[in-house]
Structure formats: C-alpha cells, structure tokens
Amino acid sequence: MFSPIRRIGVAVLATTMAVSGALVAAPAASAAKIQVGVAPSPNGYVMAGVPTQVAVNRAAKVYRNVNGKWMLLGNATKARSVPVTFNDPGVYSLRVKPKKGKARVVKVGVYGYFSIDGSGSTIAMGGQVFPNGFGVGTYAISQRVRRVSIPAYRGCVNVDVGVKEINQRDSYPYEAKVDVFSAGSPAWSSGLQSAPEGFAALGIPISGDAALEFFARGRDVRGSVKALCLQ
C-alpha cells in the first residue's frame, strides 16, 4: 500500500523510477580509441524533441544517419560538444570520425511518451496522465477487470498509470486497483484505493513484455496508461 504525497485534482503517488543511459554502452576503451556520449534529459533518457549534446574524448566529425545517408552534424572536440535534437522516438545511428584513426558508429535510443488504450494500442503521444483513457468500472455493486498489454518490441522502460472517477453522481462508494507485471522488472500493485477523484502512480519500471490489470467496483471509473518507450 502506498499513500498520496500530493493532490491537485488527482492524487499523485510516488514510485521509484529506474533510469539508465540511453546511449548503447561501449566497451572499455584506451585513450587512443574514440569515445562517444550523448547527454540525457533530466529523467535519465535521451528524449524526442529535447535538445541534447554529443560529446567525444578527442577531435572528431559527428555524423547522423538520415534516410541511409551520413549527414554532418558538426565538429566536436574534448571541450566542445555538438548539439542535436531527435524529433521522434526510435534508435538512431551516429558516426564519429576522428582526424586520425578509425571511425566509429554508435546507436542512440531516443524515448518518447505514448498514451496506450485499453487494447494496448498507441492512441496519442502523451503529456497528461489522463490524455484519453478507457472505461474500467461499471455501476452500483458490480466489478470489472480491464487488461492492457505492452509488447517487448516497443522498448518501454516505465509507465504512468491512473484511475479517475467519471460518475460522481452515484451514491455508491468505489474502489480501484492497478497491478503492473513485466518480464524483467518486479511486479507492482497500487493496492485498493478510493481517493475522492482518483489516483495516479508515476514512473513504474517495466522491461520486456508487460501486462497491466485495472480492477474497479462501485462507480464508473476510467483507466489510463502512459508509457515511456522507443516506439
């Protein structure tokens, strides 16, 4: 069980978010080998639409693969990085060519927020916890479970989940619960909640195939999933 730490319309509940570098890690290198780094956003990931920097350990030209062609981004040195913005989520290739020595190609994972509907399909780029949502509960004393799946190929690393009451005219109380399961991260559960207007939990780690279950009974409620993914 967890407790609200902040309430502005919807209670926001804290969780621990696992973060990792978005640049594919390179093996240990000697001083002679070119090393490359891409600066993450404050959440620990390189984010689509957010300006970032490509840094190197010695002077080199930095190229980005665009439609199968290498396009020059700029010249980098140990003291000067090269700015770049990736407009869309996905995995991008960078080529770094020092003045002397062999060029190196690295992969950069760029993440974005996706709103997921009740069937697991993408319906919108995210922003709010409840950009759209899907029906979960019914009315009176009935109860219902709604399941959402997120396949591993999408490369998702965490989810925001929420439940929002949509029919406050009923006199019945309501209870709701969200469970999150994934192949490579510990299971997570909100436990039964009955916050006046709903509740949300942010940054729940997932990896591999993931499944979410929304349980509700009492009043009508709406569920929502926002996932941080490569696609």
C-alpha atoms as a PDB file:
ATOM      1  CA  MET A   1       0.000   0.000   0.000  1.00  0.00           C
ATOM      2  CA  PHE A   2       1.206   3.487  -0.694  1.00  0.00           C
ATOM      3  CA  SER A   3      -0.106   6.901   0.220  1.00  0.00           C
ATOM      4  CA  PRO A   4      -0.666  10.127  -1.715  1.00  0.00           C
ATOM      5  CA  ILE A   5       2.150  12.652  -1.420  1.00  0.00           C
ATOM      6  CA  ARG A   6       0.427  15.386  -3.401  1.00  0.00           C
ATOM      7  CA  ARG A   7      -3.128  16.105  -4.504  1.00  0.00           C
ATOM      8  CA  ILE A   8      -4.105  18.511  -7.263  1.00  0.00           C
ATOM      9  CA  GLY A   9      -7.406  17.162  -8.542  1.00  0.00           C
ATOM     10  CA  VAL A  10      -5.852  13.679  -8.760  1.00  0.00           C
ATOM     11  CA  ALA A  11      -3.624  12.231  -6.056  1.00  0.00           C
ATOM     12  CA  VAL A  12      -0.083  11.655  -7.314  1.00  0.00           C
ATOM     13  CA  LEU A  13       1.665   8.703  -5.729  1.00  0.00           C
ATOM     14  CA  ALA A  14       5.439   8.358  -5.649  1.00  0.00           C
ATOM     15  CA  THR A  15       7.326   5.370  -7.016  1.00  0.00           C
ATOM     16  CA  THR A  16      10.984   4.753  -7.739  1.00  0.00           C
ATOM     17  CA  MET A  17      11.887   5.141 -11.397  1.00  0.00           C
ATOM     18  CA  ALA A  18      14.796   3.080 -12.713  1.00  0.00           C
ATOM     19  CA  VAL A  19      16.853   5.061 -15.185  1.00  0.00           C
ATOM     20  CA  SER A  20      19.658   4.055 -17.489  1.00  0.00           C
ATOM     21  CA  GLY A  21      21.780   5.748 -20.104  1.00  0.00           C
ATOM     22  CA  ALA A  22      20.076   5.896 -23.473  1.00  0.00           C
ATOM     23  CA  LEU A  23      23.332   5.529 -25.371  1.00  0.00           C
ATOM     24  CA  VAL A  24      24.256   1.908 -26.018  1.00  0.00           C
ATOM     25  CA  ALA A  25      27.193   1.292 -23.716  1.00  0.00           C
ATOM     26  CA  ALA A  26      30.594   0.997 -25.335  1.00  0.00           C
ATOM     27  CA  PRO A  27      33.265  -1.459 -24.178  1.00  0.00           C
ATOM     28  CA  ALA A  28      36.192  -0.197 -22.137  1.00  0.00           C
ATOM     29  CA  ALA A  29      38.459   1.813 -24.399  1.00  0.00           C
ATOM     30  CA  SER A  30      42.020   3.007 -24.319  1.00  0.00           C
ATOM     31  CA  ALA A  31      42.876   6.682 -24.669  1.00  0.00           C
ATOM     32  CA  ALA A  32      43.594   6.069 -28.352  1.00  0.00           C
ATOM     33  CA  LYS A  33      40.067   4.908 -29.132  1.00  0.00           C
ATOM     34  CA  ILE A  34      37.316   7.416 -29.780  1.00  0.00           C
ATOM     35  CA  GLN A  35      34.672   7.533 -27.046  1.00  0.00           C
ATOM     36  CA  VAL A  36      31.196   8.976 -27.518  1.00  0.00           C
ATOM     37  CA  GLY A  37      28.476  10.121 -25.127  1.00  0.00           C
ATOM     38  CA  VAL A  38      25.007  11.614 -25.563  1.00  0.00           C
ATOM     39  CA  ALA A  39      23.587  13.771 -22.780  1.00  0.00           C
ATOM     40  CA  PRO A  40      20.282  12.501 -21.345  1.00  0.00           C
ATOM     41  CA  SER A  41      17.305  14.597 -20.265  1.00  0.00           C
ATOM     42  CA  PRO A  42      16.653  15.082 -16.529  1.00  0.00           C
ATOM     43  CA  ASN A  43      14.688  11.804 -16.444  1.00  0.00           C
ATOM     44  CA  GLY A  44      17.840   9.873 -17.408  1.00  0.00           C
ATOM     45  CA  TYR A  45      16.896   9.183 -21.038  1.00  0.00           C
ATOM     46  CA  VAL A  46      17.545  10.901 -24.354  1.00  0.00           C
ATOM     47  CA  MET A  47      14.103  12.295 -25.173  1.00  0.00           C
ATOM     48  CA  ALA A  48      12.497  13.014 -28.540  1.00  0.00           C
ATOM     49  CA  GLY A  49      12.090  16.717 -29.209  1.00  0.00           C
ATOM     50  CA  VAL A  50      14.503  17.733 -26.433  1.00  0.00           C
ATOM     51  CA  PRO A  51      17.839  19.295 -27.469  1.00  0.00           C
ATOM     52  CA  THR A  52      20.886  17.276 -26.420  1.00  0.00           C
ATOM     53  CA  GLN A  53      24.655  17.185 -26.990  1.00  0.00           C
ATOM     54  CA  VAL A  54      27.066  14.649 -28.488  1.00  0.00           C
ATOM     55  CA  ALA A  55      30.416  14.626 -26.669  1.00  0.00           C
ATOM     56  CA  VAL A  56      33.705  12.942 -27.644  1.00  0.00           C
ATOM     57  CA  ASN A  57      37.070  12.433 -25.981  1.00  0.00           C
ATOM     58  CA  ARG A  58      39.058  13.896 -28.889  1.00  0.00           C
ATOM     59  CA  ALA A  59      38.514  15.974 -32.017  1.00  0.00           C
ATOM     60  CA  ALA A  60      36.164  14.332 -34.499  1.00  0.00           C
ATOM     61  CA  LYS A  61      33.446  14.968 -37.047  1.00  0.00           C
ATOM     62  CA  VAL A  62      29.994  13.767 -35.917  1.00  0.00           C
ATOM     63  CA  TYR A  63      27.503  12.459 -38.485  1.00  0.00           C
ATOM     64  CA  ARG A  64      23.908  11.318 -38.181  1.00  0.00           C
ATOM     65  CA  ASN A  65      22.306   8.700 -40.417  1.00  0.00           C
ATOM     66  CA  VAL A  66      19.318  10.243 -42.223  1.00  0.00           C
ATOM     67  CA  ASN A  67      17.480   8.036 -44.727  1.00  0.00           C
ATOM     68  CA  GLY A  68      20.568   5.898 -45.259  1.00  0.00           C
ATOM     69  CA  LYS A  69      22.962   8.821 -45.748  1.00  0.00           C
ATOM     70  CA  TRP A  70      25.507  10.248 -43.296  1.00  0.00           C
ATOM     71  CA  MET A  71      24.753  13.911 -42.647  1.00  0.00           C
ATOM     72  CA  LEU A  72      27.347  16.045 -40.848  1.00  0.00           C
ATOM     73  CA  LEU A  73      26.136  17.419 -37.500  1.00  0.00           C
ATOM     74  CA  GLY A  74      29.337  19.278 -36.662  1.00  0.00           C
ATOM     75  CA  ASN A  75      32.903  19.146 -35.418  1.00  0.00           C
ATOM     76  CA  ALA A  76      33.437  18.136 -31.800  1.00  0.00           C
ATOM     77  CA  THR A  77      36.463  18.411 -29.522  1.00  0.00           C
ATOM     78  CA  LYS A  78      37.145  17.443 -25.924  1.00  0.00           C
ATOM     79  CA  ALA A  79      35.991  20.939 -24.933  1.00  0.00           C
ATOM     80  CA  ARG A  80      33.144  21.406 -27.423  1.00  0.00           C
ATOM     81  CA  SER A  81      30.165  19.097 -27.956  1.00  0.00           C
ATOM     82  CA  VAL A  82      27.829  19.016 -30.947  1.00  0.00           C
ATOM     83  CA  PRO A  83      24.135  19.916 -30.455  1.00  0.00           C
ATOM     84  CA  VAL A  84      21.432  17.673 -31.886  1.00  0.00           C
ATOM     85  CA  THR A  85      17.684  17.168 -31.449  1.00  0.00           C
ATOM     86  CA  PHE A  86      15.986  13.887 -32.357  1.00  0.00           C
ATOM     87  CA  ASN A  87      12.425  14.757 -33.331  1.00  0.00           C
ATOM     88  CA  ASP A  88      10.921  11.285 -32.954  1.00  0.00           C
ATOM     89  CA  PRO A  89      11.446   8.292 -30.663  1.00  0.00           C
ATOM     90  CA  GLY A  90      13.481   5.394 -32.001  1.00  0.00           C
ATOM     91  CA  VAL A  91      17.036   4.072 -32.334  1.00  0.00           C
ATOM     92  CA  TYR A  92      19.405   6.350 -34.244  1.00  0.00           C
ATOM     93  CA  SER A  93      22.906   5.817 -35.640  1.00  0.00           C
ATOM     94  CA  LEU A  94      25.756   8.288 -35.147  1.00  0.00           C
ATOM     95  CA  ARG A  95      29.120   8.056 -36.906  1.00  0.00           C
ATOM     96  CA  VAL A  96      32.140   9.685 -35.285  1.00  0.00           C
ATOM     97  CA  LYS A  97      35.277  10.161 -37.409  1.00  0.00           C
ATOM     98  CA  PRO A  98      38.437  11.411 -35.651  1.00  0.00           C
ATOM     99  CA  LYS A  99      41.181  13.205 -37.578  1.00  0.00           C
ATOM    100  CA  LYS A 100      43.322  10.117 -37.130  1.00  0.00           C
ATOM    101  CA  GLY A 101      42.121   6.599 -36.589  1.00  0.00           C
ATOM    102  CA  LYS A 102      39.081   4.546 -37.411  1.00  0.00           C
ATOM    103  CA  ALA A 103      35.541   5.945 -37.486  1.00  0.00           C
ATOM    104  CA  ARG A 104      33.044   4.541 -35.034  1.00  0.00           C
ATOM    105  CA  VAL A 105      29.289   4.028 -35.314  1.00  0.00           C
ATOM    106  CA  VAL A 106      27.127   4.030 -32.166  1.00  0.00           C
ATOM    107  CA  LYS A 107      23.397   3.536 -31.574  1.00  0.00           C
ATOM    108  CA  VAL A 108      21.355   6.006 -29.538  1.00  0.00           C
ATOM    109  CA  GLY A 109      17.993   5.099 -28.023  1.00  0.00           C
ATOM    110  CA  VAL A 110      15.608   8.074 -28.099  1.00  0.00           C
ATOM    111  CA  TYR A 111      12.462   7.842 -25.969  1.00  0.00           C
ATOM    112  CA  GLY A 112       9.009   9.384 -26.040  1.00  0.00           C
ATOM    113  CA  TYR A 113       5.758   9.194 -24.061  1.00  0.00           C
ATOM    114  CA  PHE A 114       2.892   7.229 -25.562  1.00  0.00           C
ATOM    115  CA  SER A 115      -0.692   7.022 -24.403  1.00  0.00           C
ATOM    116  CA  ILE A 116      -1.907   3.397 -24.516  1.00  0.00           C
ATOM    117  CA  ASP A 117      -5.565   2.479 -24.916  1.00  0.00           C
ATOM    118  CA  GLY A 118      -7.376  -0.442 -23.349  1.00  0.00           C
ATOM    119  CA  SER A 119      -6.276  -2.870 -26.068  1.00  0.00           C
ATOM    120  CA  GLY A 120      -2.600  -1.959 -25.780  1.00  0.00           C
ATOM    121  CA  SER A 121      -2.561   0.120 -28.988  1.00  0.00           C
ATOM    122  CA  THR A 122      -0.957   3.550 -29.211  1.00  0.00           C
ATOM    123  CA  ILE A 123      -3.545   6.307 -29.412  1.00  0.00           C
ATOM    124  CA  ALA A 124      -1.555   9.514 -28.813  1.00  0.00           C
ATOM    125  CA  MET A 125       1.733  10.998 -27.724  1.00  0.00           C
ATOM    126  CA  GLY A 126       1.447  11.576 -24.006  1.00  0.00           C
ATOM    127  CA  GLY A 127       1.553  14.628 -21.767  1.00  0.00           C
ATOM    128  CA  GLN A 128      -1.020  14.182 -19.074  1.00  0.00           C
ATOM    129  CA  VAL A 129      -1.653  11.026 -17.091  1.00  0.00           C
ATOM    130  CA  PHE A 130      -5.235  11.055 -18.406  1.00  0.00           C
ATOM    131  CA  PRO A 131      -4.986  12.246 -22.024  1.00  0.00           C
ATOM    132  CA  ASN A 132      -7.730   9.855 -23.111  1.00  0.00           C
ATOM    133  CA  GLY A 133      -8.338   6.785 -21.013  1.00  0.00           C
ATOM    134  CA  PHE A 134     -10.648   3.791 -21.278  1.00  0.00           C
ATOM    135  CA  GLY A 135     -13.613   2.509 -19.315  1.00  0.00           C
ATOM    136  CA  VAL A 136     -12.887   0.119 -16.455  1.00  0.00           C
ATOM    137  CA  GLY A 137     -15.643   0.009 -13.853  1.00  0.00           C
ATOM    138  CA  THR A 138     -19.414  -0.369 -14.107  1.00  0.00           C
ATOM    139  CA  TYR A 139     -22.066   0.837 -11.701  1.00  0.00           C
ATOM    140  CA  ALA A 140     -23.617   0.012  -8.348  1.00  0.00           C
ATOM    141  CA  ILE A 141     -22.049  -3.045  -6.695  1.00  0.00           C
ATOM    142  CA  SER A 142     -20.685  -4.642  -9.877  1.00  0.00           C
ATOM    143  CA  GLN A 143     -16.984  -5.040 -10.541  1.00  0.00           C
ATOM    144  CA  ARG A 144     -14.750  -5.396 -13.569  1.00  0.00           C
ATOM    145  CA  VAL A 145     -11.151  -6.091 -14.606  1.00  0.00           C
ATOM    146  CA  ARG A 146      -9.618  -4.443 -17.679  1.00  0.00           C
ATOM    147  CA  ARG A 147      -6.287  -5.752 -19.031  1.00  0.00           C
ATOM    148  CA  VAL A 148      -3.734  -3.873 -21.117  1.00  0.00           C
ATOM    149  CA  SER A 149      -0.656  -5.405 -22.743  1.00  0.00           C
ATOM    150  CA  ILE A 150       2.556  -3.734 -23.963  1.00  0.00           C
ATOM    151  CA  PRO A 151       4.838  -5.931 -26.123  1.00  0.00           C
ATOM    152  CA  ALA A 152       8.594  -6.032 -25.586  1.00  0.00           C
ATOM    153  CA  TYR A 153       9.426  -4.809 -29.107  1.00  0.00           C
ATOM    154  CA  ARG A 154       8.287  -1.305 -28.176  1.00  0.00           C
ATOM    155  CA  GLY A 155      11.246  -0.935 -25.811  1.00  0.00           C
ATOM    156  CA  CYS A 156       9.264   0.587 -22.937  1.00  0.00           C
ATOM    157  CA  VAL A 157      11.084   1.343 -19.684  1.00  0.00           C
ATOM    158  CA  ASN A 158       8.377   2.682 -17.371  1.00  0.00           C
ATOM    159  CA  VAL A 159       4.680   3.517 -17.179  1.00  0.00           C
ATOM    160  CA  ASP A 160       2.440   6.081 -15.505  1.00  0.00           C
ATOM    161  CA  VAL A 161      -0.943   4.654 -14.528  1.00  0.00           C
ATOM    162  CA  GLY A 162      -4.094   6.245 -13.220  1.00  0.00           C
ATOM    163  CA  VAL A 163      -7.720   5.686 -12.331  1.00  0.00           C
ATOM    164  CA  LYS A 164     -10.251   8.511 -12.457  1.00  0.00           C
ATOM    165  CA  GLU A 165     -13.825   8.513 -11.244  1.00  0.00           C
ATOM    166  CA  ILE A 166     -16.196   9.578 -14.031  1.00  0.00           C
ATOM    167  CA  ASN A 167     -19.636   9.303 -12.432  1.00  0.00           C
ATOM    168  CA  GLN A 168     -19.689  11.083  -9.090  1.00  0.00           C
ATOM    169  CA  ARG A 169     -23.486  11.339  -9.009  1.00  0.00           C
ATOM    170  CA  ASP A 170     -23.861   7.772  -7.757  1.00  0.00           C
ATOM    171  CA  SER A 171     -24.177   7.341  -4.019  1.00  0.00           C
ATOM    172  CA  TYR A 172     -22.128   4.126  -4.055  1.00  0.00           C
ATOM    173  CA  PRO A 173     -18.503   4.287  -2.929  1.00  0.00           C
ATOM    174  CA  TYR A 174     -15.895   2.973  -5.340  1.00  0.00           C
ATOM    175  CA  GLU A 175     -12.639   1.064  -5.051  1.00  0.00           C
ATOM    176  CA  ALA A 176      -9.991   0.557  -7.716  1.00  0.00           C
ATOM    177  CA  LYS A 177      -6.614  -1.135  -8.053  1.00  0.00           C
ATOM    178  CA  VAL A 178      -3.865  -1.294 -10.685  1.00  0.00           C
ATOM    179  CA  ASP A 179      -1.350  -4.150 -10.994  1.00  0.00           C
ATOM    180  CA  VAL A 180       1.695  -3.978 -13.276  1.00  0.00           C
ATOM    181  CA  PHE A 181       3.645  -7.056 -14.396  1.00  0.00           C
ATOM    182  CA  SER A 182       6.605  -7.344 -16.768  1.00  0.00           C
ATOM    183  CA  ALA A 183       9.140  -9.975 -17.725  1.00  0.00           C
ATOM    184  CA  GLY A 184      12.227  -8.139 -16.477  1.00  0.00           C
ATOM    185  CA  SER A 185      11.070  -5.950 -13.579  1.00  0.00           C
ATOM    186  CA  PRO A 186       9.408  -6.654 -10.195  1.00  0.00           C
ATOM    187  CA  ALA A 187       5.613  -6.720 -10.093  1.00  0.00           C
ATOM    188  CA  TRP A 188       3.911  -3.607  -8.734  1.00  0.00           C
ATOM    189  CA  SER A 189       0.468  -3.031  -7.207  1.00  0.00           C
ATOM    190  CA  SER A 190      -1.346   0.070  -6.039  1.00  0.00           C
ATOM    191  CA  GLY A 191      -3.479  -1.900  -3.617  1.00  0.00           C
ATOM    192  CA  LEU A 192      -7.152  -0.948  -3.317  1.00  0.00           C
ATOM    193  CA  GLN A 193      -7.608   2.825  -3.464  1.00  0.00           C
ATOM    194  CA  SER A 194     -10.636   5.072  -3.043  1.00  0.00           C
ATOM    195  CA  ALA A 195      -9.259   8.617  -3.399  1.00  0.00           C
ATOM    196  CA  PRO A 196     -12.133  11.109  -3.894  1.00  0.00           C
ATOM    197  CA  GLU A 197     -11.354  11.909  -7.533  1.00  0.00           C
ATOM    198  CA  GLY A 198      -8.972   9.115  -8.487  1.00  0.00           C
ATOM    199  CA  PHE A 199      -5.271   8.363  -8.139  1.00  0.00           C
ATOM    200  CA  ALA A 200      -2.127   8.029 -10.219  1.00  0.00           C
ATOM    201  CA  ALA A 201       1.291   6.416  -9.869  1.00  0.00           C
ATOM    202  CA  LEU A 202       4.232   7.612 -11.950  1.00  0.00           C
ATOM    203  CA  GLY A 203       7.428   6.044 -13.299  1.00  0.00           C
ATOM    204  CA  ILE A 204       6.743   2.370 -12.551  1.00  0.00           C
ATOM    205  CA  PRO A 205       9.671   0.393 -14.068  1.00  0.00           C
ATOM    206  CA  ILE A 206       8.909  -2.246 -16.714  1.00  0.00           C
ATOM    207  CA  SER A 207      11.028  -4.222 -19.174  1.00  0.00           C
ATOM    208  CA  GLY A 208      10.249  -6.841 -21.779  1.00  0.00           C
ATOM    209  CA  ASP A 209       6.632  -7.890 -22.286  1.00  0.00           C
ATOM    210  CA  ALA A 210       4.346  -6.074 -19.840  1.00  0.00           C
ATOM    211  CA  ALA A 211       0.744  -6.517 -18.714  1.00  0.00           C
ATOM    212  CA  LEU A 212      -1.444  -4.224 -16.618  1.00  0.00           C
ATOM    213  CA  GLU A 213      -4.695  -5.040 -14.836  1.00  0.00           C
ATOM    214  CA  PHE A 214      -7.206  -2.386 -13.795  1.00  0.00           C
ATOM    215  CA  PHE A 215      -9.783  -3.520 -11.227  1.00  0.00           C
ATOM    216  CA  ALA A 216     -12.753  -1.391 -10.217  1.00  0.00           C
ATOM    217  CA  ARG A 217     -16.043  -1.814  -8.403  1.00  0.00           C
ATOM    218  CA  GLY A 218     -18.759   0.615  -7.436  1.00  0.00           C
ATOM    219  CA  ARG A 219     -18.973   3.754  -9.565  1.00  0.00           C
ATOM    220  CA  ASP A 220     -17.864   4.163 -13.153  1.00  0.00           C
ATOM    221  CA  VAL A 221     -14.135   4.783 -13.418  1.00  0.00           C
ATOM    222  CA  ARG A 222     -11.706   5.340 -16.273  1.00  0.00           C
ATOM    223  CA  GLY A 223      -8.179   3.967 -16.507  1.00  0.00           C
ATOM    224  CA  SER A 224      -5.140   5.403 -18.246  1.00  0.00           C
ATOM    225  CA  VAL A 225      -1.627   4.270 -19.189  1.00  0.00           C
ATOM    226  CA  LYS A 226       1.231   6.493 -20.340  1.00  0.00           C
ATOM    227  CA  ALA A 227       4.400   4.615 -21.294  1.00  0.00           C
ATOM    228  CA  LEU A 228       7.976   5.803 -21.892  1.00  0.00           C
ATOM    229  CA  CYS A 229       9.134   3.850 -24.964  1.00  0.00           C
ATOM    230  CA  LEU A 230      11.332   3.759 -28.045  1.00  0.00           C
ATOM    231  CA  GLN A 231       8.266   3.212 -30.255  1.00  0.00           C
END
